[in-house]
Protein backbone atom coordinates (compact mmCIF):
# COMPACT_ATOMS: atom_id res chain seq x y z
CA MET A 1 117.27 104.16 120.51
CA LYS A 2 116.08 107.73 121.09
CA ILE A 3 118.87 110.27 120.59
CA ALA A 4 119.15 112.91 123.37
CA ILE A 5 119.30 116.33 121.67
CA ASP A 6 120.43 119.65 123.30
CA ARG A 7 118.50 121.76 120.85
CA GLU A 8 119.80 125.13 121.97
CA ALA A 9 123.40 123.88 121.87
CA LEU A 10 122.90 122.60 118.43
CA ARG A 11 121.35 125.83 117.22
CA ARG A 12 124.29 127.68 118.64
CA LYS A 13 126.86 125.31 116.88
CA TYR A 14 125.00 125.69 113.56
CA ARG A 15 125.12 129.43 113.85
CA GLU A 16 128.80 129.39 114.69
CA GLU A 17 129.65 127.21 111.69
CA ARG A 18 127.52 129.22 109.39
CA ASP A 19 129.12 132.53 110.52
CA LYS A 20 132.58 131.19 109.74
CA ARG A 21 131.51 130.84 106.13
CA LEU A 22 129.56 134.03 105.51
CA ARG A 23 131.29 136.15 102.90
CA PRO A 24 130.25 139.67 101.91
CA ASP A 25 130.88 138.88 98.25
CA GLY A 26 128.27 136.17 98.09
CA ASN A 27 128.01 134.84 94.48
CA GLU A 28 130.74 137.28 93.43
CA GLN A 29 133.34 134.97 95.06
CA TYR A 30 133.03 132.80 91.94
CA ILE A 31 134.57 133.69 88.57
CA HIS A 32 133.10 133.15 85.06
CA ILE A 33 134.94 130.21 83.56
CA GLU A 34 134.94 131.72 80.01
CA ASP A 35 136.86 134.78 81.31
CA HIS A 36 139.75 132.73 82.59
CA PHE A 37 139.68 129.19 81.02
CA PRO A 38 137.47 129.17 77.97
CA HIS A 39 138.99 125.88 76.85
CA TYR A 40 137.45 124.28 79.97
CA LEU A 41 134.14 124.66 78.10
CA ASP A 42 135.23 122.60 75.08
CA ASP A 43 133.44 119.33 74.60
CA PRO A 44 135.84 116.50 75.41
CA TYR A 45 133.23 113.77 74.57
CA THR A 46 131.99 114.36 71.00
CA GLU A 47 133.71 115.78 67.95
CA VAL A 48 132.01 118.80 66.41
CA GLN A 49 130.51 117.76 62.97
CA ALA A 50 130.38 120.21 60.10
CA ARG A 51 126.92 121.00 58.77
CA GLN A 52 125.02 123.50 56.76
CA ALA A 53 123.38 126.44 58.57
CA LYS A 54 119.60 126.14 58.90
CA SER A 55 117.30 128.68 57.37
CA ASP A 56 114.00 126.72 57.45
CA HIS A 57 110.83 126.70 59.55
CA VAL A 58 109.72 124.28 62.28
CA THR A 59 106.53 124.03 64.32
CA PHE A 60 108.27 123.96 67.69
CA ALA A 61 111.87 124.83 68.67
CA PHE A 62 113.17 123.92 72.02
CA ILE A 63 116.42 125.33 73.44
CA GLY A 64 117.96 122.69 75.77
CA GLY A 65 118.48 119.07 75.17
CA GLY A 66 118.19 117.76 78.72
CA TYR A 67 115.15 116.30 80.30
CA ALA A 68 113.18 119.52 79.85
CA GLY A 69 113.61 119.47 76.01
CA LEU A 70 113.25 115.69 75.67
CA VAL A 71 110.09 115.30 77.79
CA THR A 72 108.41 118.37 76.24
CA ALA A 73 109.25 117.15 72.75
CA ALA A 74 108.03 113.65 73.60
CA ARG A 75 104.66 115.08 74.88
CA LEU A 76 104.30 117.15 71.76
CA VAL A 77 104.93 114.17 69.48
CA GLU A 78 102.25 112.21 71.36
CA GLN A 79 99.89 115.12 70.75
CA GLY A 80 100.64 114.98 66.95
CA VAL A 81 103.18 117.77 66.78
CA SER A 82 106.18 115.85 65.24
CA ASP A 83 107.96 118.87 63.68
CA VAL A 84 110.06 119.59 66.80
CA ARG A 85 113.65 120.83 66.77
CA ILE A 86 115.86 120.68 69.85
CA VAL A 87 118.94 122.89 69.98
CA ASP A 88 121.75 122.27 72.34
CA LYS A 89 125.41 123.37 72.83
CA ALA A 90 126.32 119.72 73.73
CA GLY A 91 127.10 117.04 71.22
CA ASP A 92 124.09 114.93 72.07
CA PHE A 93 120.94 114.84 74.25
CA GLY A 94 121.41 114.60 78.03
CA GLY A 95 121.79 118.09 79.41
CA THR A 96 123.51 117.92 82.75
CA TRP A 97 124.04 114.18 82.16
CA TYR A 98 125.83 114.81 78.93
CA TRP A 99 128.39 117.01 80.73
CA ASN A 100 128.66 115.14 84.08
CA ARG A 101 130.68 112.08 83.16
CA TYR A 102 133.04 112.18 86.14
CA PRO A 103 133.76 108.82 87.76
CA GLY A 104 130.87 107.66 90.02
CA ALA A 105 128.34 110.07 88.68
CA GLN A 106 124.96 108.92 89.82
CA CYS A 107 121.44 110.17 90.44
CA ASP A 108 120.78 110.88 94.15
CA THR A 109 116.99 110.39 93.95
CA ALA A 110 115.54 107.03 93.13
CA SER A 111 115.83 105.96 89.51
CA LEU A 112 112.12 105.09 89.32
CA ILE A 113 111.14 108.68 89.94
CA TYR A 114 114.14 110.51 88.56
CA MET A 115 114.35 109.03 85.07
CA PRO A 116 111.28 110.31 83.20
CA LEU A 117 109.30 108.40 80.59
CA LEU A 118 110.37 104.91 81.88
CA GLU A 119 106.81 103.62 81.38
CA GLU A 120 106.62 105.08 77.87
CA THR A 121 109.96 103.73 76.79
CA GLY A 122 109.72 100.38 78.51
CA HIS A 123 113.07 100.81 80.28
CA VAL A 124 113.70 99.28 83.61
CA PRO A 125 116.67 100.82 85.43
CA THR A 126 119.36 98.35 86.47
CA GLN A 127 119.67 99.81 89.93
CA ASN A 128 117.50 101.88 92.31
CA TYR A 129 120.00 104.69 91.90
CA ALA A 130 121.26 104.65 88.32
CA HIS A 131 124.77 105.72 87.25
CA GLY A 132 125.50 108.44 84.80
CA PRO A 133 126.10 106.30 81.69
CA GLU A 134 122.74 104.62 82.09
CA ILE A 135 120.90 107.94 82.56
CA LEU A 136 122.65 109.43 79.49
CA GLU A 137 121.69 106.41 77.43
CA HIS A 138 118.10 106.81 78.63
CA CYS A 139 118.20 110.35 77.31
CA ARG A 140 119.27 109.02 74.00
CA ARG A 141 116.59 106.32 74.14
CA ILE A 142 113.97 109.04 74.51
CA GLY A 143 115.47 110.83 71.51
CA ARG A 144 115.26 107.70 69.37
CA ARG A 145 111.87 106.60 70.57
CA TYR A 146 110.29 109.93 69.64
CA GLY A 147 112.30 110.58 66.45
CA LEU A 148 114.00 113.66 67.83
CA TYR A 149 117.46 113.19 66.37
CA ASP A 150 116.60 113.92 62.74
CA ASN A 151 115.74 117.60 63.45
CA ALA A 152 118.11 118.26 66.31
CA LEU A 153 121.00 120.80 66.19
CA PHE A 154 123.92 119.81 68.47
CA HIS A 155 127.08 121.77 69.28
CA THR A 156 124.94 124.82 68.67
CA ARG A 157 124.68 127.84 70.94
CA VAL A 158 121.60 130.07 70.36
CA SER A 159 122.60 133.68 70.19
CA ALA A 160 119.23 135.46 69.83
CA VAL A 161 115.50 134.67 69.93
CA GLU A 162 113.13 137.34 68.54
CA TRP A 163 109.31 137.44 68.05
CA GLN A 164 108.43 138.44 64.46
CA GLU A 165 105.05 140.25 64.94
CA GLU A 166 103.86 140.31 61.33
CA ALA A 167 104.70 136.75 60.58
CA GLY A 168 103.68 135.46 63.92
CA VAL A 169 106.82 133.35 64.38
CA TRP A 170 109.96 133.23 66.44
CA ARG A 171 113.29 133.82 64.83
CA ILE A 172 116.21 131.86 66.23
CA ARG A 173 119.85 132.56 65.44
CA SER A 174 122.87 130.68 66.53
CA ASP A 175 126.65 130.77 66.56
CA ARG A 176 126.76 128.39 63.61
CA GLY A 177 125.02 130.78 61.23
CA ASP A 178 121.53 129.29 61.77
CA ASP A 179 118.68 131.71 61.13
CA PHE A 180 115.37 129.80 61.23
CA THR A 181 111.84 130.35 62.41
CA ALA A 182 109.48 128.42 64.61
CA ARG A 183 105.77 128.86 65.37
CA TYR A 184 106.43 127.97 69.01
CA ILE A 185 109.52 128.06 71.17
CA GLY A 186 110.34 126.35 74.52
CA MET A 187 113.24 127.02 76.83
CA GLY A 188 114.74 124.60 79.37
CA THR A 189 118.30 125.73 79.73
CA GLY A 190 118.31 124.88 83.46
CA PRO A 191 120.85 126.00 86.06
CA LEU A 192 123.32 123.03 85.85
CA HIS A 193 125.23 123.52 82.64
CA MET A 194 127.53 126.52 83.05
CA PRO A 195 130.46 125.46 85.18
CA LYS A 196 131.73 127.89 87.89
CA LEU A 197 135.11 128.24 89.43
CA PRO A 198 136.12 129.67 92.83
CA GLY A 199 137.74 133.12 92.66
CA VAL A 200 140.91 131.85 94.46
CA PRO A 201 143.87 134.18 94.14
CA GLY A 202 146.42 132.82 91.77
CA ILE A 203 143.97 130.46 89.96
CA ASP A 204 145.43 131.65 86.65
CA ASP A 205 149.00 130.92 87.78
CA PHE A 206 148.94 127.16 88.16
CA GLN A 207 151.31 125.50 85.74
CA GLY A 208 150.15 121.85 86.22
CA HIS A 209 147.12 120.13 84.70
CA ALA A 210 143.56 121.27 85.65
CA PHE A 211 140.02 120.75 84.63
CA HIS A 212 136.38 120.95 85.92
CA THR A 213 134.54 117.86 86.87
CA SER A 214 131.89 118.55 84.20
CA ARG A 215 134.63 118.22 81.54
CA TRP A 216 136.46 115.23 83.00
CA ASP A 217 139.73 114.60 81.30
CA TYR A 218 140.03 110.85 81.00
CA ARG A 219 142.91 111.25 78.63
CA TYR A 220 144.82 112.52 81.71
CA THR A 221 143.33 110.38 84.43
CA GLY A 222 142.78 107.15 82.50
CA GLY A 223 139.59 105.20 83.03
CA ASP A 224 136.14 106.02 81.48
CA PRO A 225 132.67 107.07 82.65
CA ALA A 226 131.64 103.32 82.93
CA GLY A 227 133.93 102.88 85.90
CA ALA A 228 137.26 101.68 84.54
CA PRO A 229 140.15 102.45 86.97
CA LEU A 230 141.79 105.87 86.74
CA ASP A 231 145.12 104.09 85.87
CA ARG A 232 147.17 107.15 84.82
CA LEU A 233 147.19 108.80 88.27
CA GLY A 234 149.33 106.27 90.07
CA ASP A 235 152.35 108.71 90.24
CA LYS A 236 150.31 111.86 90.47
CA ARG A 237 149.61 114.34 93.30
CA VAL A 238 146.06 115.51 92.81
CA ALA A 239 144.00 118.15 94.58
CA LEU A 240 140.23 118.21 94.51
CA ILE A 241 138.68 121.56 95.37
CA GLY A 242 135.08 121.19 96.55
CA THR A 243 133.26 118.65 98.75
CA GLY A 244 129.65 118.88 97.54
CA ALA A 245 127.53 116.25 95.83
CA THR A 246 129.90 115.76 92.92
CA ALA A 247 132.90 115.36 95.07
CA VAL A 248 131.15 112.82 97.28
CA GLN A 249 130.65 110.59 94.22
CA CYS A 250 134.11 110.92 92.63
CA VAL A 251 136.32 111.02 95.74
CA PRO A 252 136.24 107.17 96.27
CA HIS A 253 137.57 106.66 92.66
CA LEU A 254 140.34 109.32 93.05
CA ALA A 255 141.32 108.11 96.51
CA GLY A 256 142.14 104.67 95.11
CA ALA A 257 144.06 105.93 92.13
CA CYS A 258 146.41 108.81 93.14
CA ALA A 259 149.85 108.68 94.72
CA THR A 260 148.71 111.54 96.93
CA PHE A 261 145.13 112.84 96.95
CA TYR A 262 144.26 116.17 98.64
CA VAL A 263 140.55 116.92 99.31
CA CYS A 264 140.17 120.74 99.85
CA GLN A 265 137.14 121.22 102.03
CA ARG A 266 135.44 124.49 102.98
CA THR A 267 132.08 122.92 104.17
CA PRO A 268 131.63 119.27 104.71
CA SER A 269 128.64 117.57 103.07
CA SER A 270 126.19 115.46 105.08
CA VAL A 271 126.73 111.97 103.80
CA ASP A 272 124.24 109.30 104.80
CA ALA A 273 124.40 105.69 103.77
CA ARG A 274 122.97 104.71 100.41
CA ASP A 275 120.90 101.53 100.17
CA ILE A 276 121.83 100.77 96.59
CA ARG A 277 120.85 97.52 94.95
CA PRO A 278 119.82 96.05 91.68
CA ILE A 279 116.14 96.36 90.67
CA ASP A 280 114.62 92.98 90.69
CA ARG A 281 112.69 92.36 87.44
CA ASP A 282 110.04 90.19 89.07
CA TRP A 283 109.46 92.75 91.77
CA PHE A 284 109.20 95.46 89.16
CA ALA A 285 106.76 93.51 87.07
CA ALA A 286 104.50 93.24 90.13
CA ILE A 287 104.43 97.04 90.77
CA ALA A 288 104.50 98.28 87.11
CA GLU A 289 100.74 98.62 86.62
CA PRO A 290 99.71 101.41 84.15
CA GLY A 291 100.45 104.85 85.60
CA TRP A 292 102.93 103.39 88.06
CA GLN A 293 105.62 106.10 87.53
CA ARG A 294 103.25 108.93 88.15
CA ARG A 295 102.04 107.38 91.38
CA TRP A 296 105.63 106.87 92.53
CA MET A 297 106.46 110.49 91.76
CA GLU A 298 103.34 111.76 93.55
CA ASN A 299 104.09 109.50 96.57
CA PHE A 300 107.60 110.85 96.94
CA ALA A 301 106.47 114.54 96.58
CA ALA A 302 103.78 113.99 99.18
CA ASN A 303 106.27 112.58 101.59
CA LEU A 304 108.62 115.52 101.24
CA SER A 305 105.80 118.00 101.60
CA GLY A 306 105.09 116.68 105.09
CA ALA A 307 101.85 115.11 104.18
CA PRO A 308 101.09 111.74 105.92
CA VAL A 309 101.53 108.97 103.44
CA GLU A 310 100.31 105.52 104.20
CA ASN A 311 102.83 103.65 102.08
CA ASP A 312 106.26 105.30 101.45
CA LEU A 313 107.08 103.72 98.09
CA VAL A 314 110.68 105.09 97.85
CA ARG A 315 111.42 104.95 101.50
CA ASP A 316 115.07 106.22 101.53
CA GLY A 317 117.17 108.88 103.16
CA TRP A 318 115.03 111.66 101.52
CA THR A 319 111.88 110.57 103.20
CA ASP A 320 113.48 109.64 106.58
CA ILE A 321 112.87 113.01 108.19
CA PRO A 322 109.19 113.11 107.14
CA ARG A 323 108.73 109.61 108.60
CA ARG A 324 110.21 110.75 111.86
CA PHE A 325 108.20 113.86 111.79
CA HIS A 326 104.87 112.04 111.46
CA ALA A 327 105.89 109.47 114.04
CA GLY A 328 106.52 112.33 116.55
CA LEU A 329 103.35 114.12 115.61
CA ALA A 330 101.31 110.98 116.25
CA GLN A 331 102.43 110.93 119.81
CA LEU A 332 101.12 114.44 120.52
CA PRO A 333 97.68 115.08 122.04
CA GLU A 334 95.15 115.62 119.29
CA GLU A 335 94.73 119.36 120.01
CA GLU A 336 98.49 120.02 119.69
CA ARG A 337 98.70 118.33 116.25
CA LYS A 338 96.93 121.36 114.70
CA ASN A 339 99.40 123.87 116.17
CA PRO A 340 101.75 125.21 113.49
CA ALA A 341 104.40 126.03 116.14
CA ARG A 342 104.35 122.41 117.31
CA TRP A 343 104.74 121.27 113.71
CA ALA A 344 107.88 123.36 113.28
CA GLU A 345 109.24 122.09 116.61
CA MET A 346 108.67 118.42 115.65
CA TRP A 347 110.20 118.93 112.29
CA GLU A 348 113.28 120.53 113.81
CA GLN A 349 113.55 117.63 116.30
CA ALA A 350 113.34 115.11 113.46
CA ASP A 351 116.09 117.01 111.55
CA PHE A 352 118.36 117.27 114.59
CA GLU A 353 118.06 113.52 115.25
CA LYS A 354 118.71 112.60 111.65
CA MET A 355 121.74 114.89 111.42
CA GLU A 356 123.08 113.54 114.71
CA GLU A 357 122.89 109.97 113.29
CA ILE A 358 124.78 111.16 110.18
CA ARG A 359 127.53 112.73 112.33
CA ARG A 360 127.80 109.54 114.47
CA ARG A 361 128.23 107.56 111.26
CA VAL A 362 131.26 109.65 110.53
CA ASP A 363 132.77 108.58 113.77
CA ALA A 364 131.87 104.97 113.09
CA VAL A 365 133.59 104.85 109.67
CA VAL A 366 136.51 107.29 109.76
CA GLN A 367 139.44 105.92 111.68
CA ASP A 368 141.26 109.14 112.45
CA ALA A 369 139.32 111.18 115.08
CA GLN A 370 140.61 114.55 113.86
CA THR A 371 139.61 113.82 110.34
CA ALA A 372 136.33 112.60 111.43
CA ALA A 373 135.56 115.72 113.40
CA ARG A 374 136.27 117.84 110.35
CA LEU A 375 134.03 115.78 108.14
CA LYS A 376 130.90 116.34 110.26
CA ALA A 377 128.20 118.60 108.89
CA TRP A 378 126.75 121.10 111.24
CA TYR A 379 123.54 122.37 109.56
CA GLY A 380 120.06 121.15 108.77
CA GLN A 381 119.90 118.34 106.24
CA LEU A 382 118.13 120.35 103.63
CA CYS A 383 120.45 123.38 103.93
CA LYS A 384 122.56 121.81 101.28
CA ARG A 385 121.92 119.02 98.82
CA PRO A 386 121.78 115.86 100.98
CA CYS A 387 124.34 113.26 99.88
CA PHE A 388 124.26 109.47 100.18
CA HIS A 389 127.24 107.25 99.61
CA ASN A 390 128.66 104.07 101.03
CA HIS A 391 132.36 104.68 100.18
CA TYR A 392 133.03 108.39 100.56
CA LEU A 393 133.88 108.36 104.20
CA GLU A 394 135.96 105.19 103.80
CA ALA A 395 138.22 107.04 101.31
CA PHE A 396 139.66 109.08 104.15
CA ASN A 397 140.99 105.92 105.77
CA ARG A 398 143.48 105.52 102.90
CA ALA A 399 147.01 106.68 103.73
CA SER A 400 147.18 108.50 100.34
CA THR A 401 144.10 110.64 100.97
CA VAL A 402 144.66 113.85 102.94
CA LEU A 403 141.81 116.09 104.07
CA LEU A 404 142.77 119.71 103.83
CA ASP A 405 140.07 121.36 105.86
CA THR A 406 139.98 125.12 105.67
CA ASP A 407 137.69 125.61 108.54
CA GLY A 408 135.14 127.44 106.39
CA ARG A 409 137.61 129.83 104.70
CA GLY A 410 138.36 127.97 101.47
CA VAL A 411 141.64 127.55 99.74
CA GLU A 412 143.85 130.64 100.37
CA ARG A 413 145.50 130.75 97.06
CA ILE A 414 146.83 128.72 94.18
CA THR A 415 150.47 128.99 93.18
CA PRO A 416 152.22 127.78 89.99
CA ARG A 417 153.10 124.63 91.90
CA GLY A 418 149.93 123.81 94.01
CA VAL A 419 147.41 124.87 96.59
CA VAL A 420 147.86 126.84 99.77
CA VAL A 421 145.71 125.87 102.87
CA GLY A 422 146.42 127.17 106.38
CA GLY A 423 149.61 128.87 105.18
CA VAL A 424 151.10 125.66 103.82
CA GLU A 425 151.73 125.08 100.14
CA TYR A 426 150.91 121.58 98.87
CA PRO A 427 152.59 120.80 95.51
CA VAL A 428 150.39 118.98 93.11
CA ASP A 429 150.47 117.82 89.47
CA CYS A 430 146.75 118.32 88.91
CA ILE A 431 143.83 120.37 90.27
CA ILE A 432 140.31 119.16 89.72
CA TYR A 433 137.49 121.73 90.36
CA ALA A 434 134.37 120.04 91.78
CA THR A 435 132.76 123.47 92.30
CA GLY A 436 129.46 122.93 90.53
CA PHE A 437 127.55 125.18 88.19
CA GLU A 438 126.31 128.76 88.02
CA VAL A 439 122.99 128.97 89.90
CA GLY A 440 122.56 132.38 91.43
CA THR A 441 124.11 134.35 88.61
CA ASP A 442 122.23 136.53 86.06
CA ARG A 443 120.16 134.60 83.66
CA LEU A 444 121.89 136.10 80.52
CA SER A 445 125.31 134.96 81.77
CA ARG A 446 124.01 131.36 82.12
CA THR A 447 121.97 131.14 78.83
CA GLY A 448 124.09 133.34 76.63
CA PHE A 449 121.12 134.69 74.66
CA GLU A 450 118.39 137.23 75.07
CA VAL A 451 114.66 136.66 74.27
CA THR A 452 112.92 139.60 72.61
CA GLY A 453 109.13 139.54 72.61
CA ARG A 454 106.29 141.78 71.35
CA GLY A 455 107.25 145.45 70.87
CA GLY A 456 110.98 144.80 71.19
CA ARG A 457 110.64 144.16 74.94
CA THR A 458 113.24 141.72 76.17
CA LEU A 459 112.66 139.06 78.82
CA SER A 460 115.32 140.81 80.94
CA GLU A 461 113.33 144.03 80.87
CA HIS A 462 110.06 142.26 81.60
CA TRP A 463 111.61 140.51 84.62
CA GLN A 464 113.65 143.60 85.78
CA GLN A 465 111.61 143.80 89.01
CA GLY A 466 111.28 139.98 89.26
CA MET A 467 109.99 136.96 87.45
CA ARG A 468 106.47 137.24 85.97
CA SER A 469 104.57 134.29 84.56
CA LEU A 470 101.58 131.99 84.81
CA HIS A 471 102.55 128.63 86.30
CA GLY A 472 106.18 129.43 85.62
CA ILE A 473 105.48 128.56 81.98
CA HIS A 474 103.65 131.45 80.11
CA VAL A 475 104.90 135.10 80.03
CA ARG A 476 102.95 138.10 78.89
CA ASN A 477 104.22 139.73 75.67
CA PHE A 478 105.97 136.54 74.65
CA PRO A 479 103.35 134.73 72.64
CA ASN A 480 103.78 131.09 71.71
CA ALA A 481 106.71 130.82 74.17
CA PHE A 482 106.99 128.30 77.06
CA LEU A 483 109.41 127.94 79.89
CA VAL A 484 110.23 124.64 81.60
CA GLN A 485 111.75 125.28 85.04
CA PRO A 486 110.60 125.02 88.69
CA ALA A 487 110.20 128.70 89.79
CA GLN A 488 106.70 130.06 90.18
CA GLY A 489 105.48 126.44 89.87
CA ALA A 490 106.13 123.52 92.16
CA ASN A 491 109.65 124.55 92.88
CA PHE A 492 110.25 120.87 93.80
CA ILE A 493 114.04 120.82 93.92
CA ALA A 494 114.36 117.33 95.46
CA ASN A 495 113.22 115.67 92.24
CA VAL A 496 113.40 118.26 89.33
CA PRO A 497 112.15 115.81 86.68
CA HIS A 498 108.77 115.78 88.37
CA ASN A 499 108.46 119.52 87.67
CA ILE A 500 109.50 118.97 84.04
CA VAL A 501 106.99 116.04 83.48
CA GLU A 502 104.06 118.18 84.66
CA SER A 503 105.12 121.32 82.71
CA ALA A 504 105.71 119.32 79.57
CA ALA A 505 102.19 117.89 79.73
CA ALA A 506 100.69 121.35 80.14
CA ILE A 507 102.62 122.76 77.22
CA ALA A 508 101.68 119.82 74.92
CA HIS A 509 98.02 120.14 75.76
CA THR A 510 98.15 123.90 75.15
CA VAL A 511 99.85 123.52 71.72
CA ARG A 512 97.39 120.90 70.66
CA HIS A 513 94.47 123.09 71.66
CA ALA A 514 96.00 126.04 69.73
CA GLU A 515 96.58 123.90 66.68
CA ALA A 516 93.20 122.28 66.72
CA SER A 517 91.35 125.68 67.16
CA GLY A 518 93.36 127.34 64.38
CA ALA A 519 94.79 129.92 66.78
CA ALA A 520 98.00 131.63 65.59
CA ARG A 521 98.94 132.83 69.01
CA VAL A 522 98.63 131.71 72.64
CA GLU A 523 99.57 134.05 75.38
CA VAL A 524 98.83 134.62 79.07
CA SER A 525 96.58 137.63 79.76
CA ALA A 526 98.01 140.56 81.66
CA ALA A 527 95.45 140.04 84.42
CA ALA A 528 96.26 136.29 84.78
CA GLU A 529 99.96 136.93 84.91
CA GLU A 530 99.58 139.67 87.60
CA ALA A 531 97.31 137.45 89.62
CA TRP A 532 99.73 134.60 89.60
CA VAL A 533 102.59 136.80 90.58
CA GLN A 534 100.56 138.11 93.51
CA LEU A 535 99.70 134.60 94.52
CA ILE A 536 103.38 133.57 94.46
CA ALA A 537 104.27 136.69 96.55
CA SER A 538 101.61 135.88 99.14
CA GLY A 539 103.43 132.80 100.26
CA THR A 540 107.11 133.40 99.79
CA GLY A 541 107.81 132.92 103.44
CA LEU A 542 107.03 129.24 102.97
CA THR A 543 109.40 128.69 100.03
CA LEU A 544 112.35 131.05 100.36
CA PRO A 545 115.78 129.71 101.34
CA ASN A 546 116.64 129.58 104.97
CA PRO A 547 119.10 132.43 105.93
CA ASP A 548 120.04 130.49 109.04
CA CYS A 549 121.58 127.76 106.83
CA THR A 550 125.26 127.52 106.17
CA PRO A 551 126.02 129.43 102.94
CA GLY A 552 125.57 127.78 99.62
CA TYR A 553 123.65 128.10 96.34
CA TYR A 554 120.41 126.96 98.18
CA ASN A 555 120.41 130.26 100.07
CA ASN A 556 122.22 132.78 97.90
CA GLU A 557 125.51 132.02 99.67
CA GLY A 558 123.97 133.28 102.91
CA GLN A 559 123.47 136.82 101.62
CA PRO A 560 120.25 138.81 101.75
CA LEU A 561 118.08 138.04 98.70
CA PRO A 562 117.48 140.85 96.26
CA ALA A 563 113.92 142.02 96.12
CA GLU A 564 113.24 140.29 92.90
CA ALA A 565 114.46 136.97 94.14
CA HIS A 566 111.19 136.60 96.10
CA SER A 567 109.42 136.21 92.74
CA TYR A 568 111.34 132.98 92.04
CA ALA A 569 109.53 131.15 94.90
CA GLY A 570 107.04 128.30 94.41
CA TYR A 571 103.31 127.78 94.73
CA PRO A 572 102.38 128.78 98.31
CA MET A 573 100.36 125.65 98.94
CA GLY A 574 103.29 123.49 98.09
CA ALA A 575 104.55 121.17 95.32
CA VAL A 576 101.79 118.56 95.60
CA ALA A 577 99.04 121.16 95.46
CA PHE A 578 100.66 122.77 92.44
CA PHE A 579 100.94 119.54 90.57
CA GLY A 580 97.27 118.82 91.22
CA HIS A 581 96.35 122.38 90.19
CA LEU A 582 98.23 122.23 86.89
CA GLN A 583 96.74 118.80 86.07
CA GLN A 584 93.14 120.15 86.66
CA TRP A 585 94.01 123.24 84.65
CA ARG A 586 95.17 121.36 81.61
CA ASP A 587 92.58 118.61 81.80
CA SER A 588 89.71 121.09 82.03
CA GLY A 589 90.43 122.15 78.42
CA ALA A 590 89.53 125.72 79.39
CA PHE A 591 93.23 126.90 79.76
CA GLU A 592 92.09 129.63 82.14
CA GLY A 593 94.20 132.72 81.98
CA LEU A 594 95.46 132.13 78.35
CA GLU A 595 94.34 133.99 75.28
CA PHE A 596 94.16 132.25 71.96
CA GLY A 597 94.38 134.68 69.04
CA LEU A 598 93.34 133.97 65.49
CA ASP A 599 96.30 135.85 64.03
CA ALA A 600 99.70 137.08 65.20
CA SER A 601 98.34 140.42 66.32
CA GLY A 602 95.96 138.68 68.67
CA MET A 603 92.72 139.51 66.75
């Protein structure tokens, strides 16, 4: 049934809800966890093992043991570079999935496109949306399959990375006394590893138990990451601060475990249904022809780019709006289909209809009308990370679950005894912070180390006026160094592993070429870097966050972007075009824009 939409009324409602949440302090509303609760950063999952400091040399050192490090290392091994060392502050591989072991943790894009190297490792996910323990085990599987454990350094924080001009190597030092060198370095520290906390007055005063969801305390709650009941909360009053993607997944588990469970909400998430099911092995065998995972990734990316796709392979809530958009476009007269203004109008209409369906679902599921009204999201679906869950809304039908909606203002303060919302103190035994990770903060505060390139110039200095690179991978004056991250590349945030897979392949091909040709140094030329920066700048309007969205990390908390932020946009022609461009670039063997020097000085 076609949903009647009053578009102007919706725009007005979206603006009103956004304006409630705008704060002049932007990202400054959050506090650095190490300044207040450094013990929150301890590893509750793996004991730190004593070891000797390393003072050796490796061919390739990669900082970050999540998907970025694992896939890059795997591609290097495939290209004959087996001397790869991964360094990570965690106790094992996994990156975000090492830390995120809260109950219900699950990928929100389809397993078949989210979990890289499925084809190479032969793993078939158990469900179309895998849970955290399976994803973590897949990371370990990659580590074992490619022999990455023997050389890895875990529970190790890099403190400095410096280019040694005369020797033509990188020097890496760590907090555990390591001081070793590498011919090449890669960096994939990502944005989702440094927990953040809200700067709520009195946060230091609370005298009960507290922890961040990325360091879940199962000793306190009972249960385990595999889904065992949280059996130690039966007599506890618990407050969860935050209602983003993490909260949507863990709320159903807490709601059924606590004596009283308070959910502190500033902005509701949009929560659509999740069609979760086991992956049928016979069905999978029929689709798993060589190259199947790449085809699925490309199909998903094409759908989200707005390109017409004949067969939507994933066909889930992520691709629903594009399907609606193309259905609406097909009904227009042919001459109107080429009008960009009509495209924007049709996309907005598809989004409005989808979000109205999601809001109606709240009414259909949540029994209390007032609670249902407060759980409705008034913004475009992609203004925040879309959420999908079949049991989140039902949690609010439990008598023990209380929604403390703050009408956009957030928790007023924390006292020694509990949380204050709307002038009322709610005593609790435990506060759980589901407040995510640092995203919009300074790079140094997230990584904890500086990178010093040729002539003593640091990466922070080189990027003082904004990011500079070729393909988001190569940086001038930082020879033999590679970045793995989305900016100045595809910037495809809906499925970050797709970005990683393509960048890793480009890096491995580049290193293989350098090694085969006897080059001691590979570096982007100044002209190529400048040209790429200008290309990115030419299309930032297509890729920058929407200031009309409700505040969040997607749009710099609704604050104006600093001038340099424009440089962190993506390829102007879109993610699909970038992936195609990068594949052609690496497959050509010419490596246009790179300089391969015979010695460290570039001669």
